[in-house]
């Protein structure tokens, strides 16, 4: 998905985000996004680990 955007598209998105949110809000938004992605990744890993444990216990 991101491969079709390209560098000019990413720069345009960043400029628009800077105009819309302002320079003070962007770090906060980035931090919140990073924490959300990290939490989602950990939850997904926990679910797959539980599923693998259940499969191993059935064997």
Protein backbone atom coordinates (compact mmCIF):
# COMPACT_ATOMS: atom_id res chain seq x y z
CA UNK A 1 0.00 0.00 0.00
CA UNK A 2 2.67 2.53 0.96
CA UNK A 3 4.82 1.56 -2.02
CA UNK A 4 2.29 3.18 -4.36
CA UNK A 5 2.37 6.51 -2.49
CA UNK A 6 6.04 7.32 -3.03
CA UNK A 7 8.24 9.97 -1.48
CA UNK A 8 6.43 13.01 -2.95
CA UNK A 9 3.12 11.70 -1.64
CA UNK A 10 4.52 11.17 1.85
CA UNK A 11 5.98 14.67 1.88
CA UNK A 12 2.62 16.09 0.81
CA UNK A 13 0.84 14.16 3.57
CA UNK A 14 3.33 15.43 6.17
CA UNK A 15 2.93 19.04 5.01
CA UNK A 16 -0.86 18.78 5.15
CA UNK A 17 -0.67 17.22 8.64
CA UNK A 18 1.64 20.03 9.75
CA UNK A 19 -0.80 22.67 8.47
CA UNK A 20 -3.87 20.97 9.94
CA UNK A 21 -2.52 19.99 13.36
CA UNK A 22 0.31 22.46 13.86
CA UNK A 23 3.88 21.80 14.97
CA UNK A 24 3.00 21.40 18.66
CA UNK A 25 0.45 18.62 18.16
CA UNK A 26 2.38 16.45 15.67
CA UNK A 27 4.75 14.87 18.25
CA UNK A 28 1.79 14.05 20.49
CA UNK A 29 -0.09 12.48 17.59
CA UNK A 30 2.99 10.49 16.57
CA UNK A 31 3.53 9.23 20.10
CA UNK A 32 -0.12 8.20 20.45
CA UNK A 33 -0.02 6.44 17.08
CA UNK A 34 3.15 4.57 18.03
CA UNK A 35 1.70 3.46 21.36
CA UNK A 36 -1.50 2.31 19.66
CA UNK A 37 0.41 0.28 17.06
CA UNK A 38 2.66 -1.24 19.74
CA UNK A 39 -0.37 -2.23 21.82
CA UNK A 40 -2.11 -3.73 18.78
CA UNK A 41 1.02 -5.68 17.86
CA UNK A 42 1.37 -7.05 21.40
CA UNK A 43 -2.30 -8.05 21.51
CA UNK A 44 -2.05 -9.81 18.15
CA UNK A 45 1.08 -11.64 19.30
CA UNK A 46 -0.65 -12.72 22.51
CA UNK A 47 -3.62 -14.06 20.56
CA UNK A 48 -1.43 -16.05 18.18
CA UNK A 49 0.62 -17.41 21.10
CA UNK A 50 -2.54 -18.54 22.88
CA UNK A 51 -3.81 -20.18 19.70
CA UNK A 52 -0.51 -22.00 19.20
CA UNK A 53 -0.54 -23.20 22.82
CA UNK A 54 -4.06 -24.55 22.39
CA UNK A 55 -3.03 -26.43 19.23
CA UNK A 56 0.01 -27.90 21.00
CA UNK A 57 -2.10 -29.01 23.98
CA UNK A 58 -4.57 -30.81 21.69
CA UNK A 59 -1.79 -32.80 20.03
